[in-house]
Amino acid sequence: MQTRQLGTSRLEVSALGLGCMGLSYGYGPATEKTQAITLIRAAFERGVTLFDTAEAYGPFLNEELLGEALAPFRDKVAIATKFGFKGGKVDAGLDSSPANVKAVAEAALKRLKTDRIDLFYQHRVDPGVPIEETAGAVKDLIRDGKVLHFGMSEAGASSIRRAHAVQPVTALQSEYSLWWREPELEILPTLEELGIGFVPFSPLGKGFLTGAITESTTFDSSDFRNIVPRLSPSARKSNQTLVALLGEIAAARKVTPAQIALAWLLAQKPWIVPIPGTTKLHRLEENLGAAAVTLSKADLSAIAAVLAKVAVQGDRYPAHLQARVGR
């Protein structure tokens, strides 16, 4: 597994990380604990050194899982977690007050069984707290050695700049993939200018870009994809065109659509580190195989041609969740 540096920071991680949310939260019932630990450790054995979690994933369950799974090789990996929701509950609203930032850090350290958090993200920008105050709280944690790097998630360019002026931001985590390219407009140029790395979540379109989801696929009742407009049955039917065309490119290269999607992200910038998630070992191995796929100029041109002629249907979030991003 190749490594990459997140921006101009000293944080060097595997070219592909592991998004751990789905093991505990968001995509239906939680994975059985022993199986989840086995998967996380399998990722490490295959070269993954960046593992992503958050207090809100459960809440708390995912951090506890990761802490136990990574304990045997803690010093060889980077753990990223997040703060920003009241009591760790997404539905309870935002709280990036300095007091809460520091309280979450202390609690996360215990759950993760560690003495430092490698990368501490603000989960969503809190309009009720000046971003300078939040960044200042993380700066205090960095000074105390409890946090090593500051990150933001789904933040807008203005907030990134304001926070970065107080405490340098190491990485931004936001959605970016072949079917969600909005970051290219303003976010990527801002990150490049400031020397900030980019960690795309949902790099496989919440599973859709793998080709495994069709219009007839049903999700568990607790799976949040049920409320994603882009994944409604009618939108899935329309969006299959994109997956089919990418599948043709993948077949010509003797790789999978998922590997094309991840290799495309890796080809955009050398400081981009996608974090695909999975609960299955064979999918983990497939995803990690993308790090060895090099796309030629001809490949990238073919993909660009596909993207230019396919209009993706459906918003990526329902309105109440979309309101929390890009601030």
Protein backbone atom coordinates (compact mmCIF):
# COMPACT_ATOMS: atom_id res chain seq x y z
CA MET A 1 0.00 0.00 0.00
CA GLN A 2 1.37 3.39 -1.01
CA THR A 3 1.29 6.27 1.44
CA ARG A 4 0.24 9.89 1.03
CA GLN A 5 0.76 13.06 2.99
CA LEU A 6 -2.32 15.03 3.93
CA GLY A 7 -1.55 18.47 2.57
CA THR A 8 1.58 20.10 3.93
CA SER A 9 1.16 18.52 7.35
CA ARG A 10 3.40 15.77 8.64
CA LEU A 11 0.51 13.31 8.75
CA GLU A 12 1.40 10.48 6.38
CA VAL A 13 -1.16 7.71 5.92
CA SER A 14 -2.08 4.91 3.55
CA ALA A 15 -3.41 6.06 0.17
CA LEU A 16 -6.75 4.49 1.11
CA GLY A 17 -8.15 4.60 4.61
CA LEU A 18 -11.05 2.73 6.16
CA GLY A 19 -14.32 4.46 6.98
CA CYS A 20 -15.63 2.54 9.98
CA MET A 21 -19.08 4.12 10.45
CA GLY A 22 -21.01 1.38 8.68
CA LEU A 23 -19.75 -1.26 11.08
CA SER A 24 -21.83 0.28 13.86
CA TYR A 25 -24.20 2.86 12.45
CA GLY A 26 -26.10 4.18 9.46
CA TYR A 27 -26.27 1.19 7.14
CA GLY A 28 -28.58 -1.14 9.01
CA PRO A 29 -27.83 -3.41 11.99
CA ALA A 30 -24.36 -3.20 13.49
CA THR A 31 -21.84 -5.83 12.45
CA GLU A 32 -21.23 -8.47 15.09
CA LYS A 33 -18.33 -7.27 17.24
CA THR A 34 -15.89 -10.12 16.58
CA GLN A 35 -16.48 -9.88 12.84
CA ALA A 36 -16.00 -6.12 12.90
CA ILE A 37 -12.73 -6.40 14.80
CA THR A 38 -11.53 -9.04 12.34
CA LEU A 39 -12.30 -6.72 9.42
CA ILE A 40 -10.52 -3.72 10.97
CA ARG A 41 -7.45 -5.81 11.72
CA ALA A 42 -7.53 -7.29 8.21
CA ALA A 43 -7.40 -3.74 6.85
CA PHE A 44 -4.31 -3.03 8.94
CA GLU A 45 -2.67 -6.26 7.80
CA ARG A 46 -3.21 -5.13 4.21
CA GLY A 47 -1.54 -1.78 4.74
CA VAL A 48 -4.31 0.57 5.89
CA THR A 49 -3.08 3.09 8.46
CA LEU A 50 -5.93 5.65 8.56
CA PHE A 51 -9.09 4.61 10.40
CA ASP A 52 -12.06 6.96 10.59
CA THR A 53 -14.73 7.09 13.29
CA ALA A 54 -16.81 9.60 15.30
CA GLU A 55 -18.53 9.88 18.65
CA ALA A 56 -21.84 10.09 16.76
CA TYR A 57 -21.44 6.65 15.19
CA GLY A 58 -23.56 4.67 17.58
CA PRO A 59 -23.25 7.01 19.38
CA PHE A 60 -19.95 5.97 20.94
CA LEU A 61 -20.08 2.31 19.86
CA ASN A 62 -17.83 2.78 16.85
CA GLU A 63 -15.10 4.52 18.83
CA GLU A 64 -15.17 1.74 21.42
CA LEU A 65 -14.96 -0.88 18.67
CA LEU A 66 -12.04 0.87 17.01
CA GLY A 67 -10.20 1.30 20.28
CA GLU A 68 -10.34 -2.42 20.97
CA ALA A 69 -9.53 -3.46 17.41
CA LEU A 70 -6.52 -1.19 17.01
CA ALA A 71 -5.05 -1.57 20.50
CA PRO A 72 -2.43 -4.19 19.48
CA PHE A 73 -0.87 -1.84 16.90
CA ARG A 74 -1.99 1.59 18.07
CA ASP A 75 1.38 3.24 17.40
CA LYS A 76 1.36 2.12 13.76
CA VAL A 77 -1.94 3.74 12.75
CA ALA A 78 -3.64 7.13 12.67
CA ILE A 79 -7.08 7.37 14.27
CA ALA A 80 -9.46 10.09 13.16
CA THR A 81 -12.59 10.90 15.14
CA LYS A 82 -15.07 13.78 15.32
CA PHE A 83 -16.90 16.13 17.65
CA GLY A 84 -19.77 18.52 17.12
CA PHE A 85 -23.16 17.06 18.06
CA LYS A 86 -24.91 17.46 21.42
CA GLY A 87 -24.33 14.31 23.43
CA GLY A 88 -22.97 12.66 20.31
CA LYS A 89 -26.51 12.45 18.89
CA VAL A 90 -26.98 13.73 15.34
CA ASP A 91 -30.66 14.49 15.91
CA ALA A 92 -29.94 16.55 19.04
CA GLY A 93 -28.31 19.38 17.11
CA LEU A 94 -24.85 20.92 16.90
CA ASP A 95 -22.48 21.88 19.69
CA SER A 96 -18.95 23.01 18.84
CA SER A 97 -18.54 25.12 21.96
CA PRO A 98 -15.02 24.97 23.38
CA ALA A 99 -16.27 23.20 26.50
CA ASN A 100 -17.93 20.47 24.46
CA VAL A 101 -14.94 20.10 22.12
CA LYS A 102 -12.68 19.42 25.09
CA ALA A 103 -15.17 17.15 26.84
CA VAL A 104 -15.60 15.05 23.71
CA ALA A 105 -11.83 14.74 23.33
CA GLU A 106 -11.43 13.46 26.88
CA ALA A 107 -14.23 10.92 26.45
CA ALA A 108 -12.98 9.81 23.03
CA LEU A 109 -9.48 9.19 24.36
CA LYS A 110 -10.93 6.72 26.87
CA ARG A 111 -13.16 4.99 24.35
CA LEU A 112 -10.31 4.72 21.85
CA LYS A 113 -7.92 3.42 24.51
CA THR A 114 -5.27 5.94 23.54
CA ASP A 115 -3.42 8.98 24.83
CA ARG A 116 -3.86 11.07 21.67
CA ILE A 117 -6.21 11.55 18.75
CA ASP A 118 -4.27 11.76 15.50
CA LEU A 119 -6.90 13.75 13.61
CA PHE A 120 -9.81 15.49 15.35
CA TYR A 121 -12.53 16.71 13.01
CA GLN A 122 -15.33 19.17 13.58
CA HIS A 123 -18.18 17.01 12.27
CA ARG A 124 -20.22 19.96 10.96
CA VAL A 125 -19.72 23.71 11.26
CA ASP A 126 -21.83 25.06 14.12
CA PRO A 127 -23.37 28.44 13.18
CA GLY A 128 -24.01 29.10 16.86
CA VAL A 129 -20.30 29.16 17.76
CA PRO A 130 -17.68 31.32 16.02
CA ILE A 131 -15.37 28.96 14.17
CA GLU A 132 -12.41 30.80 15.70
CA GLU A 133 -13.51 29.67 19.18
CA THR A 134 -13.83 26.06 18.06
CA ALA A 135 -10.44 26.13 16.35
CA GLY A 136 -8.97 27.71 19.47
CA ALA A 137 -10.25 24.83 21.59
CA VAL A 138 -8.61 22.30 19.28
CA LYS A 139 -5.42 24.38 19.40
CA ASP A 140 -5.45 23.99 23.19
CA LEU A 141 -5.85 20.23 22.83
CA ILE A 142 -2.94 20.12 20.39
CA ARG A 143 -0.82 22.16 22.79
CA ASP A 144 -1.63 19.64 25.52
CA GLY A 145 -0.71 16.70 23.28
CA LYS A 146 -4.20 15.18 23.37
CA VAL A 147 -4.78 15.91 19.67
CA LEU A 148 -2.15 15.92 16.93
CA HIS A 149 -4.04 17.38 13.95
CA PHE A 150 -7.18 19.47 13.37
CA GLY A 151 -9.73 18.56 10.70
CA MET A 152 -13.07 19.83 9.45
CA SER A 153 -15.92 18.02 7.73
CA GLU A 154 -18.33 19.34 5.09
CA ALA A 155 -17.17 22.91 5.80
CA GLY A 156 -17.39 25.77 3.33
CA ALA A 157 -14.34 27.65 2.04
CA SER A 158 -14.90 30.70 4.25
CA SER A 159 -15.09 28.64 7.45
CA ILE A 160 -12.01 26.68 6.44
CA ARG A 161 -10.03 29.88 5.95
CA ARG A 162 -11.16 31.38 9.26
CA ALA A 163 -10.38 28.21 11.21
CA HIS A 164 -7.05 27.71 9.45
CA ALA A 165 -5.96 31.21 10.54
CA VAL A 166 -6.33 30.16 14.19
CA GLN A 167 -5.16 26.55 14.02
CA PRO A 168 -3.83 25.07 10.77
CA VAL A 169 -6.28 22.56 9.34
CA THR A 170 -4.63 19.30 8.30
CA ALA A 171 -7.54 17.74 6.42
CA LEU A 172 -11.07 18.34 5.22
CA GLN A 173 -13.43 15.38 5.10
CA SER A 174 -16.36 15.79 2.72
CA GLU A 175 -18.27 13.75 0.19
CA TYR A 176 -16.55 13.49 -3.19
CA SER A 177 -16.95 10.87 -5.87
CA LEU A 178 -17.70 10.31 -9.52
CA TRP A 179 -21.30 11.29 -8.83
CA TRP A 180 -20.73 14.15 -6.40
CA ARG A 181 -18.14 16.57 -7.77
CA GLU A 182 -19.18 19.87 -6.19
CA PRO A 183 -15.88 20.11 -4.21
CA GLU A 184 -14.08 20.76 -7.50
CA LEU A 185 -15.69 24.20 -7.80
CA GLU A 186 -14.31 25.94 -4.71
CA ILE A 187 -13.17 23.47 -2.07
CA LEU A 188 -10.31 21.74 -3.90
CA PRO A 189 -8.69 25.03 -5.01
CA THR A 190 -8.97 26.35 -1.43
CA LEU A 191 -7.38 23.22 0.02
CA GLU A 192 -4.57 23.30 -2.52
CA GLU A 193 -3.87 26.96 -1.77
CA LEU A 194 -3.75 26.39 2.00
CA GLY A 195 -1.92 23.07 1.94
CA ILE A 196 -4.80 21.05 3.39
CA GLY A 197 -5.39 17.39 2.60
CA PHE A 198 -8.74 15.99 1.45
CA VAL A 199 -10.39 12.84 2.79
CA PRO A 200 -13.42 11.94 0.65
CA PHE A 201 -16.15 9.94 2.36
CA SER A 202 -18.74 7.94 0.39
CA PRO A 203 -16.21 7.61 -2.47
CA LEU A 204 -18.34 4.79 -3.87
CA GLY A 205 -21.59 6.75 -3.79
CA LYS A 206 -22.86 4.95 -0.66
CA GLY A 207 -22.36 1.69 -2.53
CA PHE A 208 -24.13 2.65 -5.74
CA LEU A 209 -20.98 3.04 -7.83
CA THR A 210 -20.01 -0.58 -7.16
CA GLY A 211 -22.85 -1.75 -9.40
CA ALA A 212 -24.26 -3.91 -6.61
CA ILE A 213 -27.31 -1.68 -6.02
CA THR A 214 -30.17 -1.67 -8.51
CA GLU A 215 -33.61 -0.06 -8.58
CA SER A 216 -35.04 -3.20 -6.98
CA THR A 217 -32.56 -3.31 -4.10
CA THR A 218 -34.19 -2.94 -0.68
CA PHE A 219 -32.40 -1.45 2.32
CA ASP A 220 -32.88 -2.36 5.96
CA SER A 221 -35.43 -0.14 7.68
CA SER A 222 -32.66 1.45 9.78
CA ASP A 223 -30.44 2.17 6.76
CA PHE A 224 -30.19 5.93 6.20
CA ARG A 225 -30.00 5.40 2.44
CA ASN A 226 -33.79 5.08 2.58
CA ILE A 227 -34.01 8.88 2.95
CA VAL A 228 -31.35 9.80 0.38
CA PRO A 229 -33.12 11.26 -2.69
CA ARG A 230 -30.33 10.11 -5.01
CA LEU A 231 -31.00 6.53 -3.91
CA SER A 232 -34.76 6.50 -4.33
CA PRO A 233 -35.88 3.67 -6.64
CA SER A 234 -36.67 6.08 -9.50
CA ALA A 235 -33.34 7.88 -9.16
CA ARG A 236 -31.48 4.57 -9.01
CA LYS A 237 -33.12 3.51 -12.23
CA SER A 238 -31.97 6.71 -13.95
CA ASN A 239 -28.50 6.62 -12.42
CA GLN A 240 -27.80 3.08 -13.58
CA THR A 241 -26.65 4.61 -16.86
CA LEU A 242 -23.58 6.04 -15.14
CA VAL A 243 -22.72 2.75 -13.47
CA ALA A 244 -23.17 0.83 -16.71
CA LEU A 245 -20.81 3.11 -18.62
CA LEU A 246 -18.22 2.98 -15.84
CA GLY A 247 -18.61 -0.79 -15.87
CA GLU A 248 -17.61 -0.86 -19.53
CA ILE A 249 -14.43 1.10 -18.75
CA ALA A 250 -13.70 -1.19 -15.81
CA ALA A 251 -14.18 -4.33 -17.90
CA ALA A 252 -11.77 -3.03 -20.53
CA ARG A 253 -9.17 -2.54 -17.80
CA LYS A 254 -10.00 -5.90 -16.15
CA VAL A 255 -10.84 -4.19 -12.88
CA THR A 256 -14.14 -3.51 -11.09
CA PRO A 257 -16.33 -0.39 -11.17
CA ALA A 258 -15.45 0.26 -7.51
CA GLN A 259 -11.76 0.18 -8.33
CA ILE A 260 -12.28 2.62 -11.20
CA ALA A 261 -14.17 4.99 -8.88
CA LEU A 262 -11.45 4.91 -6.23
CA ALA A 263 -8.56 5.09 -8.70
CA TRP A 264 -10.24 8.13 -10.28
CA LEU A 265 -10.25 9.91 -6.92
CA LEU A 266 -6.61 9.03 -6.27
CA ALA A 267 -5.72 10.45 -9.69
CA GLN A 268 -7.25 13.86 -8.96
CA LYS A 269 -4.67 15.10 -6.42
CA PRO A 270 -1.73 13.49 -4.59
CA TRP A 271 -3.11 14.71 -1.25
CA ILE A 272 -6.50 12.99 -1.57
CA VAL A 273 -7.07 9.95 0.67
CA PRO A 274 -10.47 8.28 0.18
CA ILE A 275 -11.99 6.29 3.04
CA PRO A 276 -14.34 3.65 1.60
CA GLY A 277 -16.20 1.63 4.19
CA THR A 278 -17.39 -1.96 4.10
CA THR A 279 -18.46 -4.80 6.35
CA LYS A 280 -17.19 -7.55 4.04
CA LEU A 281 -13.63 -8.85 3.65
CA HIS A 282 -13.92 -9.43 -0.10
CA ARG A 283 -15.11 -5.85 -0.60
CA LEU A 284 -12.25 -4.58 1.55
CA GLU A 285 -9.75 -6.42 -0.63
CA GLU A 286 -11.45 -5.16 -3.79
CA ASN A 287 -11.34 -1.57 -2.56
CA LEU A 288 -7.72 -1.72 -1.49
CA GLY A 289 -6.82 -3.17 -4.87
CA ALA A 290 -7.72 0.22 -6.35
CA ALA A 291 -4.49 1.67 -4.95
CA ALA A 292 -2.60 -0.38 -7.53
CA VAL A 293 -4.74 0.80 -10.45
CA THR A 294 -3.15 3.61 -12.44
CA LEU A 295 -5.45 5.39 -14.84
CA SER A 296 -3.92 6.63 -18.08
CA LYS A 297 -4.79 9.93 -19.73
CA ALA A 298 -6.96 7.95 -22.12
CA ASP A 299 -8.78 6.32 -19.20
CA LEU A 300 -9.37 9.67 -17.52
CA SER A 301 -10.60 11.16 -20.79
CA ALA A 302 -13.03 8.27 -21.25
CA ILE A 303 -14.35 8.76 -17.73
CA ALA A 304 -14.68 12.51 -18.28
CA ALA A 305 -16.70 11.82 -21.43
CA VAL A 306 -19.06 9.59 -19.47
CA LEU A 307 -19.51 12.17 -16.74
CA ALA A 308 -20.20 14.88 -19.30
CA LYS A 309 -23.11 13.05 -20.87
CA VAL A 310 -24.79 11.60 -17.78
CA ALA A 311 -26.84 13.86 -15.51
CA VAL A 312 -27.08 12.25 -12.07
CA GLN A 313 -30.62 12.33 -10.70
CA GLY A 314 -31.54 13.21 -7.11
CA ASP A 315 -30.04 15.30 -4.32
CA ARG A 316 -27.33 13.72 -2.20
CA TYR A 317 -29.08 14.60 1.08
CA PRO A 318 -32.63 15.37 2.16
CA ALA A 319 -33.10 19.09 2.86
CA HIS A 320 -32.65 18.96 6.64
CA LEU A 321 -29.23 17.32 6.30
CA GLN A 322 -28.15 19.41 3.32
CA ALA A 323 -28.68 22.51 5.48
CA ARG A 324 -25.76 21.42 7.68
CA VAL A 325 -23.13 21.28 4.94
CA GLY A 326 -21.07 23.91 3.15
CA ARG A 327 -21.23 26.46 5.96
